[in-house]
Amino acid sequence: AGEYIYYLQAGAFRDLSDAEATRARLALLGFEAAISDRTSDSGVLHRVRLGPYNQVEAMNKARAKLLDSGVDVAIVRNQR
């Protein structure tokens, strides 16, 4: 265990204001999210992410709470 870290991605937006709005919505639910930019061929995407989570359990717990609040998140797994 411990070879991966996990993030929950609440969305990726072309428009920074959309990313900010999503981050604000998460903050109201008690989640601190960060916006990270990723440049692709079609332009910049502003990704709204929660984490990092070092354990699957912690990540799943947060994900379940988000789903209960109507927030659909994607799981992102990165190698350490």
PDB file of N, CA and C in Angstrom:
ATOM      1  N   ALA A   1       0.844  -1.203   0.000  1.00  0.00           N
ATOM      2  CA  ALA A   1       0.000   0.000   0.000  1.00  0.00           C
ATOM      3  C   ALA A   1       0.875   1.248   0.000  1.00  0.00           C
ATOM      4  N   GLY A   2       0.273   2.358  -0.389  1.00  0.00           N
ATOM      5  CA  GLY A   2       1.002   3.612  -0.341  1.00  0.00           C
ATOM      6  C   GLY A   2       1.782   3.947  -1.588  1.00  0.00           C
ATOM      7  N   GLU A   3       1.558   3.211  -2.666  1.00  0.00           N
ATOM      8  CA  GLU A   3       2.282   3.566  -3.890  1.00  0.00           C
ATOM      9  C   GLU A   3       1.496   4.566  -4.735  1.00  0.00           C
ATOM     10  N   TYR A   4       0.243   4.743  -4.380  1.00  0.00           N
ATOM     11  CA  TYR A   4      -0.591   5.684  -5.126  1.00  0.00           C
ATOM     12  C   TYR A   4      -1.141   6.775  -4.220  1.00  0.00           C
ATOM     13  N   ILE A   5      -1.380   7.927  -4.807  1.00  0.00           N
ATOM     14  CA  ILE A   5      -2.160   8.947  -4.124  1.00  0.00           C
ATOM     15  C   ILE A   5      -3.383   9.214  -4.988  1.00  0.00           C
ATOM     16  N   TYR A   6      -4.445   9.593  -4.323  1.00  0.00           N
ATOM     17  CA  TYR A   6      -5.723   9.759  -4.994  1.00  0.00           C
ATOM     18  C   TYR A   6      -6.235  11.188  -4.884  1.00  0.00           C
ATOM     19  N   TYR A   7      -6.902  11.592  -5.942  1.00  0.00           N
ATOM     20  CA  TYR A   7      -7.591  12.881  -5.947  1.00  0.00           C
ATOM     21  C   TYR A   7      -9.021  12.613  -6.379  1.00  0.00           C
ATOM     22  N   LEU A   8      -9.898  13.509  -6.002  1.00  0.00           N
ATOM     23  CA  LEU A   8     -11.262  13.475  -6.512  1.00  0.00           C
ATOM     24  C   LEU A   8     -11.421  14.712  -7.375  1.00  0.00           C
ATOM     25  N   GLN A   9     -11.808  14.505  -8.614  1.00  0.00           N
ATOM     26  CA  GLN A   9     -11.967  15.629  -9.519  1.00  0.00           C
ATOM     27  C   GLN A   9     -13.444  15.931  -9.697  1.00  0.00           C
ATOM     28  N   ALA A  10     -13.808  17.158  -9.317  1.00  0.00           N
ATOM     29  CA  ALA A  10     -15.222  17.557  -9.359  1.00  0.00           C
ATOM     30  C   ALA A  10     -15.591  18.174 -10.698  1.00  0.00           C
ATOM     31  N   GLY A  11     -14.605  18.309 -11.580  1.00  0.00           N
ATOM     32  CA  GLY A  11     -14.903  18.848 -12.891  1.00  0.00           C
ATOM     33  C   GLY A  11     -13.676  19.482 -13.514  1.00  0.00           C
ATOM     34  N   ALA A  12     -13.742  19.647 -14.811  1.00  0.00           N
ATOM     35  CA  ALA A  12     -12.685  20.338 -15.553  1.00  0.00           C
ATOM     36  C   ALA A  12     -13.391  21.326 -16.472  1.00  0.00           C
ATOM     37  N   PHE A  13     -13.009  22.576 -16.361  1.00  0.00           N
ATOM     38  CA  PHE A  13     -13.747  23.630 -17.063  1.00  0.00           C
ATOM     39  C   PHE A  13     -12.836  24.477 -17.934  1.00  0.00           C
ATOM     40  N   ARG A  14     -13.373  24.904 -19.060  1.00  0.00           N
ATOM     41  CA  ARG A  14     -12.615  25.826 -19.916  1.00  0.00           C
ATOM     42  C   ARG A  14     -12.629  27.217 -19.308  1.00  0.00           C
ATOM     43  N   ASP A  15     -13.736  27.507 -18.638  1.00  0.00           N
ATOM     44  CA  ASP A  15     -13.934  28.834 -18.074  1.00  0.00           C
ATOM     45  C   ASP A  15     -13.541  28.836 -16.603  1.00  0.00           C
ATOM     46  N   LEU A  16     -12.611  29.697 -16.222  1.00  0.00           N
ATOM     47  CA  LEU A  16     -12.147  29.749 -14.843  1.00  0.00           C
ATOM     48  C   LEU A  16     -13.289  30.076 -13.884  1.00  0.00           C
ATOM     49  N   SER A  17     -14.238  30.903 -14.325  1.00  0.00           N
ATOM     50  CA  SER A  17     -15.334  31.272 -13.428  1.00  0.00           C
ATOM     51  C   SER A  17     -16.198  30.050 -13.082  1.00  0.00           C
ATOM     52  N   ASP A  18     -16.314  29.111 -14.016  1.00  0.00           N
ATOM     53  CA  ASP A  18     -17.057  27.878 -13.738  1.00  0.00           C
ATOM     54  C   ASP A  18     -16.315  27.036 -12.700  1.00  0.00           C
ATOM     55  N   ALA A  19     -14.996  26.991 -12.829  1.00  0.00           N
ATOM     56  CA  ALA A  19     -14.184  26.247 -11.867  1.00  0.00           C
ATOM     57  C   ALA A  19     -14.289  26.884 -10.488  1.00  0.00           C
ATOM     58  N   GLU A  20     -14.234  28.215 -10.447  1.00  0.00           N
ATOM     59  CA  GLU A  20     -14.347  28.929  -9.173  1.00  0.00           C
ATOM     60  C   GLU A  20     -15.706  28.674  -8.524  1.00  0.00           C
ATOM     61  N   ALA A  21     -16.753  28.641  -9.334  1.00  0.00           N
ATOM     62  CA  ALA A  21     -18.103  28.408  -8.816  1.00  0.00           C
ATOM     63  C   ALA A  21     -18.204  27.012  -8.208  1.00  0.00           C
ATOM     64  N   THR A  22     -17.597  26.043  -8.871  1.00  0.00           N
ATOM     65  CA  THR A  22     -17.615  24.675  -8.356  1.00  0.00           C
ATOM     66  C   THR A  22     -16.813  24.591  -7.062  1.00  0.00           C
ATOM     67  N   ARG A  23     -15.675  25.269  -7.033  1.00  0.00           N
ATOM     68  CA  ARG A  23     -14.862  25.259  -5.821  1.00  0.00           C
ATOM     69  C   ARG A  23     -15.626  25.899  -4.659  1.00  0.00           C
ATOM     70  N   ALA A  24     -16.354  26.977  -4.944  1.00  0.00           N
ATOM     71  CA  ALA A  24     -17.131  27.656  -3.905  1.00  0.00           C
ATOM     72  C   ALA A  24     -18.242  26.744  -3.382  1.00  0.00           C
ATOM     73  N   ARG A  25     -18.867  26.018  -4.300  1.00  0.00           N
ATOM     74  CA  ARG A  25     -19.940  25.103  -3.911  1.00  0.00           C
ATOM     75  C   ARG A  25     -19.399  24.004  -2.994  1.00  0.00           C
ATOM     76  N   LEU A  26     -18.207  23.508  -3.310  1.00  0.00           N
ATOM     77  CA  LEU A  26     -17.574  22.484  -2.478  1.00  0.00           C
ATOM     78  C   LEU A  26     -17.224  23.060  -1.107  1.00  0.00           C
ATOM     79  N   ALA A  27     -16.766  24.306  -1.084  1.00  0.00           N
ATOM     80  CA  ALA A  27     -16.404  24.948   0.178  1.00  0.00           C
ATOM     81  C   ALA A  27     -17.618  25.047   1.094  1.00  0.00           C
ATOM     82  N   LEU A  28     -18.780  25.342   0.518  1.00  0.00           N
ATOM     83  CA  LEU A  28     -20.011  25.426   1.303  1.00  0.00           C
ATOM     84  C   LEU A  28     -20.361  24.077   1.915  1.00  0.00           C
ATOM     85  N   LEU A  29     -19.947  23.007   1.257  1.00  0.00           N
ATOM     86  CA  LEU A  29     -20.199  21.655   1.761  1.00  0.00           C
ATOM     87  C   LEU A  29     -19.108  21.215   2.735  1.00  0.00           C
ATOM     88  N   GLY A  30     -18.116  22.065   2.932  1.00  0.00           N
ATOM     89  CA  GLY A  30     -17.060  21.739   3.875  1.00  0.00           C
ATOM     90  C   GLY A  30     -15.850  21.075   3.259  1.00  0.00           C
ATOM     91  N   PHE A  31     -15.738  21.142   1.946  1.00  0.00           N
ATOM     92  CA  PHE A  31     -14.593  20.530   1.264  1.00  0.00           C
ATOM     93  C   PHE A  31     -13.681  21.595   0.695  1.00  0.00           C
ATOM     94  N   GLU A  32     -12.409  21.443   0.924  1.00  0.00           N
ATOM     95  CA  GLU A  32     -11.451  22.380   0.378  1.00  0.00           C
ATOM     96  C   GLU A  32     -10.891  21.819  -0.924  1.00  0.00           C
ATOM     97  N   ALA A  33     -11.177  22.499  -2.003  1.00  0.00           N
ATOM     98  CA  ALA A  33     -10.719  22.040  -3.307  1.00  0.00           C
ATOM     99  C   ALA A  33      -9.675  23.005  -3.851  1.00  0.00           C
ATOM    100  N   ALA A  34      -8.863  22.499  -4.754  1.00  0.00           N
ATOM    101  CA  ALA A  34      -7.853  23.328  -5.407  1.00  0.00           C
ATOM    102  C   ALA A  34      -8.119  23.312  -6.906  1.00  0.00           C
ATOM    103  N   ILE A  35      -7.785  24.409  -7.543  1.00  0.00           N
ATOM    104  CA  ILE A  35      -7.927  24.474  -8.995  1.00  0.00           C
ATOM    105  C   ILE A  35      -6.543  24.328  -9.609  1.00  0.00           C
ATOM    106  N   SER A  36      -6.404  23.349 -10.482  1.00  0.00           N
ATOM    107  CA  SER A  36      -5.114  23.191 -11.164  1.00  0.00           C
ATOM    108  C   SER A  36      -5.360  23.238 -12.667  1.00  0.00           C
ATOM    109  N   ASP A  37      -4.454  23.873 -13.351  1.00  0.00           N
ATOM    110  CA  ASP A  37      -4.623  24.038 -14.791  1.00  0.00           C
ATOM    111  C   ASP A  37      -3.879  22.965 -15.559  1.00  0.00           C
ATOM    112  N   ARG A  38      -4.503  22.541 -16.639  1.00  0.00           N
ATOM    113  CA  ARG A  38      -3.856  21.586 -17.513  1.00  0.00           C
ATOM    114  C   ARG A  38      -4.022  22.095 -18.932  1.00  0.00           C
ATOM    115  N   THR A  39      -2.899  22.216 -19.611  1.00  0.00           N
ATOM    116  CA  THR A  39      -2.953  22.699 -20.987  1.00  0.00           C
ATOM    117  C   THR A  39      -3.029  21.513 -21.937  1.00  0.00           C
ATOM    118  N   SER A  40      -3.993  21.563 -22.825  1.00  0.00           N
ATOM    119  CA  SER A  40      -4.127  20.520 -23.839  1.00  0.00           C
ATOM    120  C   SER A  40      -4.122  21.190 -25.208  1.00  0.00           C
ATOM    121  N   ASP A  41      -4.234  20.379 -26.227  1.00  0.00           N
ATOM    122  CA  ASP A  41      -4.218  20.915 -27.587  1.00  0.00           C
ATOM    123  C   ASP A  41      -5.355  21.909 -27.819  1.00  0.00           C
ATOM    124  N   SER A  42      -6.459  21.682 -27.118  1.00  0.00           N
ATOM    125  CA  SER A  42      -7.631  22.522 -27.353  1.00  0.00           C
ATOM    126  C   SER A  42      -7.706  23.708 -26.391  1.00  0.00           C
ATOM    127  N   GLY A  43      -6.648  23.915 -25.609  1.00  0.00           N
ATOM    128  CA  GLY A  43      -6.657  25.048 -24.692  1.00  0.00           C
ATOM    129  C   GLY A  43      -6.418  24.622 -23.255  1.00  0.00           C
ATOM    130  N   VAL A  44      -6.674  25.541 -22.348  1.00  0.00           N
ATOM    131  CA  VAL A  44      -6.438  25.268 -20.928  1.00  0.00           C
ATOM    132  C   VAL A  44      -7.715  24.758 -20.271  1.00  0.00           C
ATOM    133  N   LEU A  45      -7.562  23.728 -19.455  1.00  0.00           N
ATOM    134  CA  LEU A  45      -8.668  23.231 -18.653  1.00  0.00           C
ATOM    135  C   LEU A  45      -8.350  23.521 -17.196  1.00  0.00           C
ATOM    136  N   HIS A  46      -9.334  24.034 -16.481  1.00  0.00           N
ATOM    137  CA  HIS A  46      -9.177  24.308 -15.062  1.00  0.00           C
ATOM    138  C   HIS A  46      -9.838  23.162 -14.309  1.00  0.00           C
ATOM    139  N   ARG A  47      -9.007  22.354 -13.651  1.00  0.00           N
ATOM    140  CA  ARG A  47      -9.524  21.176 -12.972  1.00  0.00           C
ATOM    141  C   ARG A  47      -9.747  21.485 -11.496  1.00  0.00           C
ATOM    142  N   VAL A  48     -10.918  21.098 -11.005  1.00  0.00           N
ATOM    143  CA  VAL A  48     -11.239  21.301  -9.596  1.00  0.00           C
ATOM    144  C   VAL A  48     -11.038  19.961  -8.895  1.00  0.00           C
ATOM    145  N   ARG A  49     -10.057  19.944  -7.984  1.00  0.00           N
ATOM    146  CA  ARG A  49      -9.699  18.680  -7.345  1.00  0.00           C
ATOM    147  C   ARG A  49      -9.678  18.758  -5.832  1.00  0.00           C
ATOM    148  N   LEU A  50     -10.050  17.643  -5.221  1.00  0.00           N
ATOM    149  CA  LEU A  50      -9.967  17.475  -3.775  1.00  0.00           C
ATOM    150  C   LEU A  50      -8.886  16.442  -3.506  1.00  0.00           C
ATOM    151  N   GLY A  51      -8.170  16.658  -2.431  1.00  0.00           N
ATOM    152  CA  GLY A  51      -7.108  15.707  -2.111  1.00  0.00           C
ATOM    153  C   GLY A  51      -5.805  16.443  -1.923  1.00  0.00           C
ATOM    154  N   PRO A  52      -4.680  15.768  -1.901  1.00  0.00           N
ATOM    155  CA  PRO A  52      -4.529  14.324  -2.141  1.00  0.00           C
ATOM    156  C   PRO A  52      -4.970  13.466  -0.953  1.00  0.00           C
ATOM    157  N   TYR A  53      -5.432  12.281  -1.274  1.00  0.00           N
ATOM    158  CA  TYR A  53      -5.763  11.274  -0.271  1.00  0.00           C
ATOM    159  C   TYR A  53      -4.720  10.171  -0.381  1.00  0.00           C
ATOM    160  N   ASN A  54      -4.149   9.800   0.761  1.00  0.00           N
ATOM    161  CA  ASN A  54      -3.139   8.741   0.748  1.00  0.00           C
ATOM    162  C   ASN A  54      -3.760   7.361   0.853  1.00  0.00           C
ATOM    163  N   GLN A  55      -5.017   7.332   1.301  1.00  0.00           N
ATOM    164  CA  GLN A  55      -5.668   6.044   1.460  1.00  0.00           C
ATOM    165  C   GLN A  55      -6.974   5.987   0.699  1.00  0.00           C
ATOM    166  N   VAL A  56      -7.229   4.826   0.129  1.00  0.00           N
ATOM    167  CA  VAL A  56      -8.465   4.614  -0.625  1.00  0.00           C
ATOM    168  C   VAL A  56      -9.679   4.841   0.271  1.00  0.00           C
ATOM    169  N   GLU A  57      -9.576   4.386   1.521  1.00  0.00           N
ATOM    170  CA  GLU A  57     -10.717   4.503   2.439  1.00  0.00           C
ATOM    171  C   GLU A  57     -11.116   5.961   2.638  1.00  0.00           C
ATOM    172  N   ALA A  58     -10.121   6.799   2.873  1.00  0.00           N
ATOM    173  CA  ALA A  58     -10.397   8.223   3.102  1.00  0.00           C
ATOM    174  C   ALA A  58     -11.016   8.845   1.864  1.00  0.00           C
ATOM    175  N   MET A  59     -10.495   8.470   0.718  1.00  0.00           N
ATOM    176  CA  MET A  59     -10.997   9.005  -0.542  1.00  0.00           C
ATOM    177  C   MET A  59     -12.433   8.548  -0.787  1.00  0.00           C
ATOM    178  N   ASN A  60     -12.706   7.279  -0.531  1.00  0.00           N
ATOM    179  CA  ASN A  60     -14.051   6.750  -0.741  1.00  0.00           C
ATOM    180  C   ASN A  60     -15.064   7.388   0.204  1.00  0.00           C
ATOM    181  N   LYS A  61     -14.621   7.688   1.421  1.00  0.00           N
ATOM    182  CA  LYS A  61     -15.487   8.314   2.409  1.00  0.00           C
ATOM    183  C   LYS A  61     -15.888   9.710   1.933  1.00  0.00           C
ATOM    184  N   ALA A  62     -14.893  10.461   1.453  1.00  0.00           N
ATOM    185  CA  ALA A  62     -15.159  11.801   0.948  1.00  0.00           C
ATOM    186  C   ALA A  62     -16.064  11.725  -0.285  1.00  0.00           C
ATOM    187  N   ARG A  63     -15.800  10.747  -1.132  1.00  0.00           N
ATOM    188  CA  ARG A  63     -16.587  10.603  -2.357  1.00  0.00           C
ATOM    189  C   ARG A  63     -18.053  10.287  -2.045  1.00  0.00           C
ATOM    190  N   ALA A  64     -18.262   9.416  -1.059  1.00  0.00           N
ATOM    191  CA  ALA A  64     -19.627   9.058  -0.668  1.00  0.00           C
ATOM    192  C   ALA A  64     -20.368  10.283  -0.141  1.00  0.00           C
ATOM    193  N   LYS A  65     -19.668  11.098   0.659  1.00  0.00           N
ATOM    194  CA  LYS A  65     -20.277  12.303   1.220  1.00  0.00           C
ATOM    195  C   LYS A  65     -20.622  13.290   0.108  1.00  0.00           C
ATOM    196  N   LEU A  66     -19.748  13.391  -0.883  1.00  0.00           N
ATOM    197  CA  LEU A  66     -19.997  14.282  -2.012  1.00  0.00           C
ATOM    198  C   LEU A  66     -21.177  13.801  -2.839  1.00  0.00           C
ATOM    199  N   LEU A  67     -21.233  12.502  -3.085  1.00  0.00           N
ATOM    200  CA  LEU A  67     -22.343  11.945  -3.858  1.00  0.00           C
ATOM    201  C   LEU A  67     -23.665  12.187  -3.143  1.00  0.00           C
ATOM    202  N   ASP A  68     -23.655  12.077  -1.805  1.00  0.00           N
ATOM    203  CA  ASP A  68     -24.847  12.360  -1.013  1.00  0.00           C
ATOM    204  C   ASP A  68     -25.308  13.798  -1.209  1.00  0.00           C
ATOM    205  N   SER A  69     -24.336  14.678  -1.442  1.00  0.00           N
ATOM    206  CA  SER A  69     -24.645  16.095  -1.629  1.00  0.00           C
ATOM    207  C   SER A  69     -24.936  16.429  -3.088  1.00  0.00           C
ATOM    208  N   GLY A  70     -24.942  15.403  -3.929  1.00  0.00           N
ATOM    209  CA  GLY A  70     -25.257  15.614  -5.331  1.00  0.00           C
ATOM    210  C   GLY A  70     -24.079  16.044  -6.176  1.00  0.00           C
ATOM    211  N   VAL A  71     -22.867  15.832  -5.655  1.00  0.00           N
ATOM    212  CA  VAL A  71     -21.677  16.201  -6.413  1.00  0.00           C
ATOM    213  C   VAL A  71     -21.040  14.933  -6.966  1.00  0.00           C
ATOM    214  N   ASP A  72     -20.982  14.845  -8.273  1.00  0.00           N
ATOM    215  CA  ASP A  72     -20.376  13.685  -8.913  1.00  0.00           C
ATOM    216  C   ASP A  72     -18.901  13.951  -9.131  1.00  0.00           C
ATOM    217  N   VAL A  73     -18.063  13.073  -8.626  1.00  0.00           N
ATOM    218  CA  VAL A  73     -16.629  13.277  -8.772  1.00  0.00           C
ATOM    219  C   VAL A  73     -15.984  12.070  -9.437  1.00  0.00           C
ATOM    220  N   ALA A  74     -14.909  12.340 -10.145  1.00  0.00           N
ATOM    221  CA  ALA A  74     -14.133  11.282 -10.769  1.00  0.00           C
ATOM    222  C   ALA A  74     -12.909  11.001  -9.909  1.00  0.00           C
ATOM    223  N   ILE A  75     -12.520   9.739  -9.862  1.00  0.00           N
ATOM    224  CA  ILE A  75     -11.338   9.365  -9.088  1.00  0.00           C
ATOM    225  C   ILE A  75     -10.103   9.464  -9.980  1.00  0.00           C
ATOM    226  N   VAL A  76      -9.099  10.157  -9.477  1.00  0.00           N
ATOM    227  CA  VAL A  76      -7.840  10.280 -10.206  1.00  0.00           C
ATOM    228  C   VAL A  76      -6.761   9.619  -9.360  1.00  0.00           C
ATOM    229  N   ARG A  77      -6.065   8.657  -9.956  1.00  0.00           N
ATOM    230  CA  ARG A  77      -5.019   7.954  -9.224  1.00  0.00           C
ATOM    231  C   ARG A  77      -3.675   8.272  -9.828  1.00  0.00           C
ATOM    232  N   ASN A  78      -2.778   8.750  -8.993  1.00  0.00           N
ATOM    233  CA  ASN A  78      -1.426   9.082  -9.463  1.00  0.00           C
ATOM    234  C   ASN A  78      -0.421   8.236  -8.723  1.00  0.00           C
ATOM    235  N   GLN A  79       0.651   7.896  -9.423  1.00  0.00           N
ATOM    236  CA  GLN A  79       1.735   7.205  -8.718  1.00  0.00           C
ATOM    237  C   GLN A  79       2.506   8.225  -7.924  1.00  0.00           C
ATOM    238  N   ARG A  80       3.037   7.778  -6.782  1.00  0.00           N
ATOM    239  CA  ARG A  80       3.819   8.685  -5.936  1.00  0.00           C
ATOM    240  C   ARG A  80       5.077   9.077  -6.641  1.00  0.00           C
TER     241      ARG A  80
END
